[in-house]
Amino acid sequence: MRLYHRRIHAIALRTLSEAISKAACHLLELEASELQAEYRPALTDLGRKGKQVEIYLYDTLPGGAGFARQIGDLGIKVFEKALDILDNCPEQCDRSCYRCLRSYKNKFDHDLLDRTVGSVLLRYLLSGQEPEWDPSRLRVSLDLLYNDLQRQREDNISIARNTELTLPGLGKIVAPILVTAKDGSIRVVDISGALTPTEPSNPLVRDIQDFSPIPIHVVEELIVRRNLPRASSELLARFV
């Protein structure tokens, strides 16, 4: 899973880099090819430990034209414009498209661009707002996982969607996905947002995660969307 976590980090940081670069070009009325953004481990103690990164802008013209320095003077406006780009795709695409983040220059990174992930990260960096994920997107991802679990499951387990449970001392919750074994034991399955891999996206499930007498399994939403067979098979292997 560690390799996949690295990929999630790459998705978040590449998306944020592209949004900042596009915002900078828009504010200075530049061609998209005149500024580029990249990320790297920060040149700090935390950066050397893999816990801090930095995104930087640079001029692509030979000798430099000073655009990157001008962007530095604009401050917060660049990030606000980047957030607007991430939040307001004209096509309202699921991940990215040529109307928001994609271009010919980043054609090799299209699979790493996810405007929802970038928006949640940037909003957190700007305001400290805890990650919130689009309910409709989460619902679609849960449906994908549920249907694939049904397809792959063995006869000794049953799988249900949106099942109400009463937990002693904790009250009622609706299990996004409920897995019941032949011996009657049950487990709750939920998905997480990309940047919060251990937290159930359902707030009621999240609130009782540490106290539940029933095991709660959390599957990362990006894994569901990008490698569904793996997400299902690894989850079902826990129930054998």
Protein backbone atom coordinates (compact mmCIF):
# COMPACT_ATOMS: atom_id res chain seq x y z
CA MET A 1 0.00 0.00 0.00
CA ARG A 2 2.95 2.32 0.57
CA LEU A 3 3.58 2.59 -3.17
CA TYR A 4 -0.03 3.56 -3.72
CA HIS A 5 0.19 6.19 -1.01
CA ARG A 6 3.12 7.69 -2.90
CA ARG A 7 0.94 7.80 -5.99
CA ILE A 8 -1.81 9.62 -4.07
CA HIS A 9 0.78 12.16 -2.94
CA ALA A 10 1.88 12.56 -6.56
CA ILE A 11 -1.74 13.09 -7.66
CA ALA A 12 -2.31 15.79 -5.05
CA LEU A 13 0.95 17.63 -5.67
CA ARG A 14 0.95 17.39 -9.47
CA THR A 15 -2.64 18.64 -9.57
CA LEU A 16 -1.81 21.55 -7.27
CA SER A 17 1.28 22.42 -9.31
CA GLU A 18 -0.71 22.54 -12.55
CA ALA A 19 -3.47 24.65 -10.98
CA ILE A 20 -0.98 27.17 -9.59
CA SER A 21 0.86 27.35 -12.91
CA LYS A 22 -2.38 27.94 -14.81
CA ALA A 23 -3.52 30.56 -12.27
CA ALA A 24 -0.20 32.39 -12.57
CA CYS A 25 -0.41 32.46 -16.37
CA HIS A 26 -3.97 33.75 -16.19
CA LEU A 27 -3.11 36.56 -13.77
CA LEU A 28 -0.13 37.73 -15.82
CA GLU A 29 -1.89 37.06 -19.16
CA LEU A 30 0.84 34.69 -20.28
CA GLU A 31 0.86 31.71 -22.60
CA ALA A 32 0.68 28.40 -20.73
CA SER A 33 4.16 27.50 -21.96
CA GLU A 34 5.85 30.53 -20.34
CA LEU A 35 5.59 29.37 -16.71
CA GLN A 36 5.96 25.93 -15.17
CA ALA A 37 5.39 24.62 -11.65
CA GLU A 38 7.10 21.63 -10.06
CA TYR A 39 7.33 20.12 -6.58
CA ARG A 40 10.18 18.60 -4.60
CA PRO A 41 11.10 17.72 -1.01
CA ALA A 42 11.46 20.95 0.95
CA LEU A 43 14.99 22.10 1.68
CA THR A 44 14.37 21.71 5.42
CA ASP A 45 14.84 19.07 8.10
CA LEU A 46 11.24 17.92 7.58
CA GLY A 47 11.83 17.79 3.84
CA ARG A 48 14.78 15.48 4.32
CA LYS A 49 12.50 13.21 6.38
CA GLY A 50 9.89 13.15 3.62
CA LYS A 51 7.38 15.17 5.66
CA GLN A 52 7.44 18.52 3.86
CA VAL A 53 7.37 19.51 0.20
CA GLU A 54 7.55 22.75 -1.72
CA ILE A 55 5.98 23.83 -5.00
CA TYR A 56 7.97 26.31 -7.04
CA LEU A 57 7.38 28.30 -10.22
CA TYR A 58 10.02 29.02 -12.84
CA ASP A 59 10.26 30.80 -16.19
CA THR A 60 10.62 28.53 -19.20
CA LEU A 61 12.06 31.18 -21.51
CA PRO A 62 15.85 31.08 -22.00
CA GLY A 63 17.52 33.36 -19.45
CA GLY A 64 14.22 33.89 -17.66
CA ALA A 65 11.80 36.76 -18.11
CA GLY A 66 11.07 37.53 -14.47
CA PHE A 67 7.52 36.18 -14.53
CA ALA A 68 8.07 33.89 -11.54
CA ARG A 69 9.24 36.86 -9.46
CA GLN A 70 6.15 38.85 -10.47
CA ILE A 71 3.92 35.99 -9.37
CA GLY A 72 5.61 35.99 -5.98
CA ASP A 73 4.54 39.60 -5.54
CA LEU A 74 0.87 38.71 -6.13
CA GLY A 75 0.75 36.51 -3.04
CA ILE A 76 -2.58 34.98 -2.04
CA LYS A 77 -4.28 35.97 -5.30
CA VAL A 78 -2.46 33.17 -7.11
CA PHE A 79 -3.78 30.51 -4.74
CA GLU A 80 -7.31 31.92 -4.80
CA LYS A 81 -7.29 31.78 -8.60
CA ALA A 82 -5.90 28.24 -8.49
CA LEU A 83 -8.73 27.21 -6.18
CA ASP A 84 -11.26 28.78 -8.55
CA ILE A 85 -9.80 26.75 -11.44
CA LEU A 86 -10.04 23.54 -9.43
CA ASP A 87 -13.58 24.18 -8.22
CA ASN A 88 -15.17 25.56 -11.37
CA CYS A 89 -14.41 23.46 -14.42
CA PRO A 90 -16.75 24.59 -17.24
CA GLU A 91 -17.40 20.92 -18.05
CA GLN A 92 -17.76 19.88 -14.39
CA CYS A 93 -15.50 16.93 -15.22
CA ASP A 94 -14.95 14.07 -12.80
CA ARG A 95 -11.15 14.41 -12.54
CA SER A 96 -9.65 16.71 -15.18
CA CYS A 97 -10.15 17.77 -18.77
CA TYR A 98 -8.80 20.25 -21.33
CA ARG A 99 -11.17 22.93 -20.04
CA CYS A 100 -9.58 23.00 -16.58
CA LEU A 101 -6.19 21.35 -15.99
CA ARG A 102 -5.13 19.33 -19.00
CA SER A 103 -2.95 20.67 -21.79
CA TYR A 104 -0.52 19.38 -24.38
CA LYS A 105 2.45 20.24 -22.16
CA ASN A 106 1.23 18.00 -19.32
CA LYS A 107 -0.02 15.16 -21.54
CA PHE A 108 2.14 12.60 -19.71
CA ASP A 109 0.60 13.58 -16.36
CA HIS A 110 -3.10 13.49 -17.25
CA ASP A 111 -3.64 10.39 -15.13
CA LEU A 112 -2.26 12.28 -12.10
CA LEU A 113 -4.63 15.24 -12.38
CA ASP A 114 -7.64 15.16 -10.06
CA ARG A 115 -9.18 18.54 -9.41
CA THR A 116 -11.24 17.34 -6.43
CA VAL A 117 -8.15 16.12 -4.59
CA GLY A 118 -6.27 19.31 -5.45
CA SER A 119 -9.16 21.51 -4.31
CA VAL A 120 -9.49 19.80 -0.93
CA LEU A 121 -5.75 20.07 -0.31
CA LEU A 122 -5.50 23.73 -1.34
CA ARG A 123 -8.55 24.74 0.69
CA TYR A 124 -6.99 23.09 3.73
CA LEU A 125 -3.69 24.90 3.15
CA LEU A 126 -5.43 28.26 2.74
CA SER A 127 -8.00 28.11 5.53
CA GLY A 128 -7.30 25.04 7.65
CA GLN A 129 -10.70 23.64 6.62
CA GLU A 130 -10.83 19.92 7.30
CA PRO A 131 -11.12 17.79 4.14
CA GLU A 132 -14.69 17.46 2.88
CA TRP A 133 -15.48 15.18 -0.03
CA ASP A 134 -18.26 15.49 -2.59
CA PRO A 135 -21.13 13.24 -1.37
CA SER A 136 -22.20 12.35 -4.92
CA ARG A 137 -18.67 11.25 -5.83
CA LEU A 138 -18.43 9.16 -2.66
CA ARG A 139 -21.80 7.57 -3.40
CA VAL A 140 -20.70 6.58 -6.89
CA SER A 141 -17.45 5.11 -5.52
CA LEU A 142 -19.34 3.13 -2.88
CA ASP A 143 -21.67 1.77 -5.56
CA LEU A 144 -18.67 0.72 -7.65
CA LEU A 145 -17.11 -1.08 -4.70
CA TYR A 146 -20.36 -2.72 -3.63
CA ASN A 147 -21.11 -4.06 -7.11
CA ASP A 148 -17.61 -5.43 -7.53
CA LEU A 149 -17.67 -7.05 -4.09
CA GLN A 150 -20.93 -8.73 -5.06
CA ARG A 151 -19.33 -9.97 -8.26
CA GLN A 152 -16.24 -11.40 -6.54
CA ARG A 153 -17.71 -12.66 -3.27
CA GLU A 154 -17.79 -16.30 -2.20
CA ASP A 155 -21.01 -18.07 -1.20
CA ASN A 156 -20.04 -17.97 2.49
CA ILE A 157 -20.60 -14.21 2.80
CA SER A 158 -23.41 -11.81 1.93
CA ILE A 159 -23.05 -8.11 1.15
CA ALA A 160 -25.66 -5.38 1.62
CA ARG A 161 -25.76 -1.65 0.92
CA ASN A 162 -26.98 1.09 3.31
CA THR A 163 -28.05 -1.21 6.14
CA GLU A 164 -29.19 0.21 9.49
CA LEU A 165 -27.46 -1.18 12.57
CA THR A 166 -27.97 -0.62 16.28
CA LEU A 167 -24.71 -0.76 18.21
CA PRO A 168 -24.91 -1.26 21.99
CA GLY A 169 -24.09 2.00 23.75
CA LEU A 170 -23.51 3.81 20.44
CA GLY A 171 -26.94 4.04 18.88
CA LYS A 172 -27.96 3.58 15.27
CA ILE A 173 -25.80 3.95 12.18
CA VAL A 174 -26.29 3.15 8.53
CA ALA A 175 -23.50 0.91 7.30
CA PRO A 176 -22.45 2.05 3.81
CA ILE A 177 -21.60 -1.58 3.03
CA LEU A 178 -22.32 -4.45 5.42
CA VAL A 179 -20.56 -7.79 5.07
CA THR A 180 -22.13 -10.76 6.87
CA ALA A 181 -20.27 -14.06 7.20
CA LYS A 182 -21.91 -17.48 7.27
CA ASP A 183 -21.36 -17.67 11.05
CA GLY A 184 -23.36 -14.46 11.50
CA SER A 185 -20.44 -12.13 12.23
CA ILE A 186 -20.66 -8.72 10.54
CA ARG A 187 -18.26 -6.01 9.40
CA VAL A 188 -18.82 -2.48 8.20
CA VAL A 189 -17.07 -1.19 5.09
CA ASP A 190 -16.72 2.48 4.12
CA ILE A 191 -14.44 4.44 1.83
CA SER A 192 -12.13 7.32 2.70
CA GLY A 193 -11.11 10.48 0.94
CA ALA A 194 -7.76 10.49 -0.84
CA LEU A 195 -5.99 12.65 1.75
CA THR A 196 -7.53 10.99 4.82
CA PRO A 197 -6.89 7.28 4.15
CA THR A 198 -7.77 5.97 7.62
CA GLU A 199 -10.98 7.96 8.15
CA PRO A 200 -14.40 6.71 7.01
CA SER A 201 -16.13 9.28 4.82
CA ASN A 202 -19.46 8.65 6.57
CA PRO A 203 -19.46 10.98 9.62
CA LEU A 204 -21.50 8.61 11.80
CA VAL A 205 -19.17 5.72 11.05
CA ARG A 206 -16.17 7.98 11.65
CA ASP A 207 -17.50 9.04 15.05
CA ILE A 208 -17.76 5.47 16.33
CA GLN A 209 -14.69 4.07 14.56
CA ASP A 210 -12.57 3.82 17.72
CA PHE A 211 -15.37 2.41 19.89
CA SER A 212 -17.32 0.09 17.64
CA PRO A 213 -17.68 -3.54 18.75
CA ILE A 214 -18.01 -4.36 15.03
CA PRO A 215 -14.87 -4.21 12.86
CA ILE A 216 -14.82 -1.24 10.47
CA HIS A 217 -12.78 -1.51 7.28
CA VAL A 218 -11.84 1.60 5.31
CA VAL A 219 -10.93 1.50 1.61
CA GLU A 220 -9.29 4.46 -0.11
CA GLU A 221 -11.59 6.04 -2.67
CA LEU A 222 -8.86 6.61 -5.24
CA ILE A 223 -7.96 2.93 -5.17
CA VAL A 224 -11.63 2.10 -5.82
CA ARG A 225 -11.70 4.44 -8.80
CA ARG A 226 -8.33 3.52 -10.28
CA ASN A 227 -7.87 -0.15 -9.38
CA LEU A 228 -11.27 -1.56 -8.45
CA PRO A 229 -10.44 -5.29 -8.77
CA ARG A 230 -7.52 -4.85 -6.40
CA ALA A 231 -9.60 -2.92 -3.87
CA SER A 232 -12.27 -5.63 -3.86
CA SER A 233 -9.95 -8.65 -3.78
CA GLU A 234 -7.82 -7.22 -0.93
CA LEU A 235 -10.93 -6.44 1.07
CA LEU A 236 -12.50 -9.85 0.51
CA ALA A 237 -9.24 -11.54 1.52
CA ARG A 238 -9.72 -10.09 5.02
CA PHE A 239 -13.04 -11.89 5.35
CA VAL A 240 -11.78 -15.40 4.54
